[in-house]
N, C-alpha and C. Protein backbone atom coordinates (compact mmCIF):
# COMPACT_ATOMS: atom_id res chain seq x y z
N MET A 1 53.82 9.39 -41.89
CA MET A 1 53.46 10.10 -40.69
C MET A 1 51.96 10.35 -40.62
N LYS A 2 51.35 10.65 -41.77
CA LYS A 2 49.92 10.88 -41.79
C LYS A 2 49.17 9.62 -41.36
N LYS A 3 49.67 8.46 -41.82
CA LYS A 3 49.03 7.21 -41.43
C LYS A 3 49.16 6.99 -39.93
N PHE A 4 50.32 7.32 -39.40
CA PHE A 4 50.53 7.15 -37.97
C PHE A 4 49.59 8.05 -37.17
N ILE A 5 49.44 9.29 -37.59
CA ILE A 5 48.54 10.22 -36.89
C ILE A 5 47.10 9.74 -37.02
N ALA A 6 46.74 9.28 -38.21
CA ALA A 6 45.37 8.80 -38.43
C ALA A 6 45.10 7.57 -37.57
N LEU A 7 46.05 6.62 -37.53
CA LEU A 7 45.87 5.42 -36.72
C LEU A 7 45.87 5.76 -35.23
N SER A 8 46.71 6.69 -34.82
CA SER A 8 46.74 7.10 -33.41
C SER A 8 45.43 7.78 -33.03
N SER A 9 44.92 8.60 -33.93
CA SER A 9 43.63 9.26 -33.67
C SER A 9 42.51 8.22 -33.57
N LEU A 10 42.57 7.25 -34.47
CA LEU A 10 41.56 6.18 -34.45
C LEU A 10 41.67 5.38 -33.15
N LEU A 11 42.89 5.09 -32.75
CA LEU A 11 43.10 4.36 -31.49
C LEU A 11 42.62 5.18 -30.30
N ALA A 12 42.88 6.48 -30.30
CA ALA A 12 42.44 7.36 -29.21
C ALA A 12 40.91 7.43 -29.17
N LEU A 13 40.29 7.54 -30.33
CA LEU A 13 38.83 7.57 -30.37
C LEU A 13 38.24 6.24 -29.91
N GLY A 14 38.89 5.14 -30.29
CA GLY A 14 38.43 3.81 -29.84
C GLY A 14 38.53 3.69 -28.33
N ALA A 15 39.65 4.18 -27.77
CA ALA A 15 39.82 4.13 -26.31
C ALA A 15 38.79 5.02 -25.63
N LEU A 16 38.53 6.18 -26.21
CA LEU A 16 37.52 7.07 -25.64
C LEU A 16 36.14 6.41 -25.71
N GLY A 17 35.84 5.76 -26.82
CA GLY A 17 34.56 5.07 -26.97
C GLY A 17 34.42 3.93 -25.96
N MET A 18 35.51 3.19 -25.73
CA MET A 18 35.46 2.11 -24.75
C MET A 18 35.28 2.66 -23.34
N ALA A 19 35.92 3.77 -23.04
CA ALA A 19 35.80 4.37 -21.72
C ALA A 19 34.36 4.85 -21.50
N CYS A 20 33.80 5.48 -22.50
CA CYS A 20 32.41 5.94 -22.38
C CYS A 20 31.45 4.76 -22.34
N GLY A 21 31.78 3.73 -23.09
CA GLY A 21 30.94 2.53 -23.11
C GLY A 21 30.88 1.88 -21.75
N ASP A 22 32.00 1.83 -21.04
CA ASP A 22 32.02 1.24 -19.70
C ASP A 22 31.13 2.04 -18.76
N ALA A 23 31.21 3.36 -18.84
CA ALA A 23 30.39 4.19 -17.97
C ALA A 23 28.91 3.98 -18.30
N ALA A 24 28.60 3.87 -19.58
CA ALA A 24 27.21 3.66 -19.99
C ALA A 24 26.74 2.29 -19.52
N ASN A 25 27.59 1.29 -19.58
CA ASN A 25 27.20 -0.04 -19.12
C ASN A 25 26.91 -0.03 -17.62
N THR A 26 27.71 0.72 -16.86
CA THR A 26 27.47 0.83 -15.43
C THR A 26 26.13 1.48 -15.18
N ASN A 27 25.87 2.56 -15.91
CA ASN A 27 24.57 3.22 -15.77
C ASN A 27 23.44 2.32 -16.22
N THR A 28 23.67 1.59 -17.29
CA THR A 28 22.65 0.69 -17.78
C THR A 28 22.36 -0.40 -16.75
N ALA A 29 23.42 -0.91 -16.12
CA ALA A 29 23.22 -1.93 -15.10
C ALA A 29 22.45 -1.35 -13.90
N ALA A 30 22.79 -0.14 -13.53
CA ALA A 30 22.09 0.50 -12.41
C ALA A 30 20.62 0.73 -12.78
N ASN A 31 20.38 1.18 -14.01
CA ASN A 31 19.00 1.38 -14.46
C ASN A 31 18.25 0.06 -14.51
N ALA A 32 18.92 -0.98 -14.96
CA ALA A 32 18.27 -2.29 -15.02
C ALA A 32 17.91 -2.77 -13.62
N ASN A 33 18.81 -2.54 -12.67
CA ASN A 33 18.51 -2.91 -11.28
C ASN A 33 17.33 -2.13 -10.73
N ARG A 34 17.32 -0.82 -11.03
CA ARG A 34 16.19 -0.01 -10.57
C ARG A 34 14.89 -0.48 -11.19
N ASN A 35 14.95 -0.77 -12.50
CA ASN A 35 13.75 -1.25 -13.19
C ASN A 35 13.29 -2.58 -12.62
N ALA A 36 14.24 -3.46 -12.32
CA ALA A 36 13.88 -4.75 -11.73
C ALA A 36 13.27 -4.56 -10.35
N ASN A 37 13.81 -3.62 -9.57
CA ASN A 37 13.25 -3.36 -8.25
C ASN A 37 11.82 -2.81 -8.35
N VAL A 38 11.60 -1.92 -9.32
CA VAL A 38 10.25 -1.38 -9.52
C VAL A 38 9.31 -2.49 -9.97
N ALA A 39 9.77 -3.33 -10.89
CA ALA A 39 8.94 -4.44 -11.35
C ALA A 39 8.62 -5.40 -10.21
N ASN A 40 9.58 -5.67 -9.37
CA ASN A 40 9.34 -6.54 -8.21
C ASN A 40 8.33 -5.92 -7.25
N ALA A 41 8.46 -4.62 -7.04
CA ALA A 41 7.51 -3.94 -6.15
C ALA A 41 6.10 -3.97 -6.74
N MET A 42 5.99 -3.77 -8.04
CA MET A 42 4.68 -3.82 -8.69
C MET A 42 4.10 -5.24 -8.63
N ASN A 43 4.94 -6.25 -8.81
CA ASN A 43 4.46 -7.63 -8.70
C ASN A 43 4.00 -7.94 -7.29
N ALA A 44 4.73 -7.43 -6.31
CA ALA A 44 4.33 -7.65 -4.92
C ALA A 44 2.98 -6.98 -4.65
N ALA A 45 2.79 -5.78 -5.19
CA ALA A 45 1.51 -5.09 -5.01
C ALA A 45 0.38 -5.85 -5.71
N ALA A 46 0.65 -6.35 -6.90
CA ALA A 46 -0.36 -7.12 -7.62
C ALA A 46 -0.70 -8.40 -6.87
N ASN A 47 0.31 -9.06 -6.32
CA ASN A 47 0.06 -10.28 -5.54
C ASN A 47 -0.76 -9.98 -4.29
N ALA A 48 -0.47 -8.87 -3.64
CA ALA A 48 -1.24 -8.49 -2.45
C ALA A 48 -2.69 -8.20 -2.83
N ALA A 49 -2.90 -7.53 -3.96
CA ALA A 49 -4.26 -7.24 -4.41
C ALA A 49 -5.01 -8.53 -4.75
N ASN A 50 -4.33 -9.47 -5.41
CA ASN A 50 -4.96 -10.75 -5.73
C ASN A 50 -5.30 -11.52 -4.46
N SER A 51 -4.41 -11.48 -3.50
CA SER A 51 -4.67 -12.16 -2.23
C SER A 51 -5.89 -11.57 -1.54
N ALA A 52 -5.97 -10.23 -1.53
CA ALA A 52 -7.12 -9.57 -0.92
C ALA A 52 -8.41 -9.92 -1.65
N ALA A 53 -8.35 -9.95 -2.98
CA ALA A 53 -9.53 -10.31 -3.76
C ALA A 53 -9.96 -11.75 -3.48
N ASN A 54 -9.00 -12.64 -3.35
CA ASN A 54 -9.32 -14.04 -3.04
C ASN A 54 -9.94 -14.16 -1.65
N THR A 55 -9.42 -13.40 -0.70
CA THR A 55 -9.97 -13.43 0.66
C THR A 55 -11.41 -12.94 0.65
N ILE A 56 -11.67 -11.87 -0.08
CA ILE A 56 -13.03 -11.34 -0.16
C ILE A 56 -13.95 -12.34 -0.86
N ALA A 57 -13.46 -12.97 -1.92
CA ALA A 57 -14.28 -13.96 -2.63
C ALA A 57 -14.60 -15.14 -1.73
N ASN A 58 -13.62 -15.57 -0.94
CA ASN A 58 -13.86 -16.68 -0.01
C ASN A 58 -14.90 -16.29 1.04
N ALA A 59 -14.83 -15.07 1.54
CA ALA A 59 -15.81 -14.60 2.52
C ALA A 59 -17.20 -14.55 1.88
N ALA A 60 -17.28 -14.07 0.65
CA ALA A 60 -18.57 -14.01 -0.04
C ALA A 60 -19.13 -15.41 -0.26
N ASN A 61 -18.27 -16.36 -0.60
CA ASN A 61 -18.73 -17.74 -0.78
C ASN A 61 -19.22 -18.32 0.54
N THR A 62 -18.55 -18.01 1.62
CA THR A 62 -18.98 -18.49 2.94
C THR A 62 -20.36 -17.95 3.28
N VAL A 63 -20.58 -16.66 3.03
CA VAL A 63 -21.89 -16.06 3.29
C VAL A 63 -22.96 -16.69 2.40
N ALA A 64 -22.63 -16.90 1.13
CA ALA A 64 -23.58 -17.51 0.21
C ALA A 64 -23.93 -18.93 0.64
N ASN A 65 -22.93 -19.68 1.08
CA ASN A 65 -23.18 -21.05 1.55
C ASN A 65 -24.06 -21.03 2.80
N ALA A 66 -23.82 -20.10 3.70
CA ALA A 66 -24.65 -19.99 4.90
C ALA A 66 -26.08 -19.63 4.53
N ALA A 67 -26.25 -18.74 3.56
CA ALA A 67 -27.59 -18.36 3.12
C ALA A 67 -28.30 -19.56 2.49
N ASN A 68 -27.58 -20.34 1.69
CA ASN A 68 -28.18 -21.53 1.09
C ASN A 68 -28.57 -22.55 2.15
N THR A 69 -27.73 -22.73 3.13
CA THR A 69 -28.05 -23.66 4.22
C THR A 69 -29.29 -23.21 4.96
N THR A 70 -29.36 -21.92 5.26
CA THR A 70 -30.54 -21.38 5.95
C THR A 70 -31.79 -21.56 5.09
N SER A 71 -31.67 -21.27 3.81
CA SER A 71 -32.81 -21.42 2.90
C SER A 71 -33.27 -22.87 2.83
N ASN A 72 -32.32 -23.78 2.72
CA ASN A 72 -32.67 -25.20 2.67
C ASN A 72 -33.32 -25.66 3.98
N THR A 73 -32.81 -25.20 5.08
CA THR A 73 -33.37 -25.56 6.38
C THR A 73 -34.81 -25.05 6.50
N MET A 74 -35.02 -23.81 6.10
CA MET A 74 -36.37 -23.25 6.16
C MET A 74 -37.31 -23.99 5.21
N SER A 75 -36.83 -24.33 4.04
CA SER A 75 -37.65 -25.06 3.08
C SER A 75 -38.03 -26.43 3.63
N ASN A 76 -37.06 -27.12 4.21
CA ASN A 76 -37.34 -28.43 4.80
C ASN A 76 -38.31 -28.31 5.97
N THR A 77 -38.14 -27.28 6.78
CA THR A 77 -39.05 -27.06 7.91
C THR A 77 -40.47 -26.82 7.42
N MET A 78 -40.61 -26.00 6.40
CA MET A 78 -41.95 -25.72 5.86
C MET A 78 -42.54 -26.97 5.23
N SER A 79 -41.75 -27.77 4.54
CA SER A 79 -42.25 -29.01 3.95
C SER A 79 -42.73 -29.96 5.03
N ASN A 80 -41.96 -30.08 6.09
CA ASN A 80 -42.37 -30.94 7.21
C ASN A 80 -43.63 -30.40 7.88
N ALA A 81 -43.74 -29.09 8.02
CA ALA A 81 -44.93 -28.50 8.63
C ALA A 81 -46.16 -28.76 7.75
N ASN A 82 -45.98 -28.66 6.44
CA ASN A 82 -47.10 -28.92 5.53
C ASN A 82 -47.51 -30.39 5.58
N ARG A 83 -46.56 -31.28 5.66
CA ARG A 83 -46.88 -32.71 5.76
C ARG A 83 -47.63 -33.01 7.06
N THR A 84 -47.21 -32.39 8.13
CA THR A 84 -47.86 -32.61 9.42
C THR A 84 -49.28 -32.09 9.38
N THR A 85 -49.48 -30.93 8.81
CA THR A 85 -50.81 -30.34 8.71
C THR A 85 -51.70 -31.20 7.83
N THR A 86 -51.17 -31.64 6.72
CA THR A 86 -51.95 -32.48 5.81
C THR A 86 -52.30 -33.80 6.47
N THR A 87 -51.37 -34.39 7.15
CA THR A 87 -51.64 -35.66 7.84
C THR A 87 -52.69 -35.47 8.91
N THR A 88 -52.61 -34.39 9.65
CA THR A 88 -53.59 -34.11 10.69
C THR A 88 -54.97 -33.92 10.07
N THR A 89 -55.02 -33.22 8.98
CA THR A 89 -56.30 -32.99 8.30
C THR A 89 -56.87 -34.30 7.79
N ASN A 90 -56.02 -35.11 7.22
CA ASN A 90 -56.50 -36.40 6.72
C ASN A 90 -56.98 -37.29 7.86
N THR A 91 -56.29 -37.27 8.94
CA THR A 91 -56.70 -38.07 10.09
C THR A 91 -58.02 -37.58 10.62
N THR A 92 -58.16 -36.28 10.71
CA THR A 92 -59.41 -35.71 11.20
C THR A 92 -60.55 -36.06 10.26
N THR A 93 -60.31 -35.97 8.98
CA THR A 93 -61.35 -36.30 8.01
C THR A 93 -61.71 -37.77 8.11
N THR A 94 -60.73 -38.61 8.25
CA THR A 94 -60.99 -40.04 8.36
C THR A 94 -61.76 -40.33 9.64
N ASN A 95 -61.40 -39.71 10.71
CA ASN A 95 -62.11 -39.92 11.97
C ASN A 95 -63.55 -39.43 11.87
N THR A 96 -63.71 -38.32 11.20
CA THR A 96 -65.06 -37.79 11.04
C THR A 96 -65.90 -38.76 10.22
N THR A 97 -65.31 -39.32 9.19
CA THR A 97 -66.04 -40.29 8.36
C THR A 97 -66.40 -41.52 9.18
N ASN A 98 -65.51 -41.95 10.00
CA ASN A 98 -65.81 -43.13 10.82
C ASN A 98 -66.91 -42.86 11.86
N VAL A 99 -66.93 -41.66 12.39
CA VAL A 99 -67.94 -41.31 13.37
C VAL A 99 -69.32 -41.29 12.74
N ASN A 100 -69.41 -40.77 11.54
CA ASN A 100 -70.71 -40.70 10.85
C ASN A 100 -71.25 -42.06 10.52
N LYS A 101 -70.47 -43.06 10.31
CA LYS A 101 -70.98 -44.39 9.97
C LYS A 101 -71.49 -45.00 11.21
């Protein structure tokens, strides 16, 4: 009889453990879902931040390219102006030399 009571108690405790285990698994699954939802929301926020950073970087590159284009255009304009001035001076000097002869 003692063995029967001991085995019955063990069986009752096992059933109680299984019942509690099922409830814990349900809670664990719910917690896992909540954690996954939070992780997904954080990933979405990180992706949005990366997208914004990329957009800003692209805008900065566009401005930098425009500045380089303007700088190159001004440099070329000044080089052409210097060549024109030098050519005019050389022509004037040559003409002056020819007049003196």
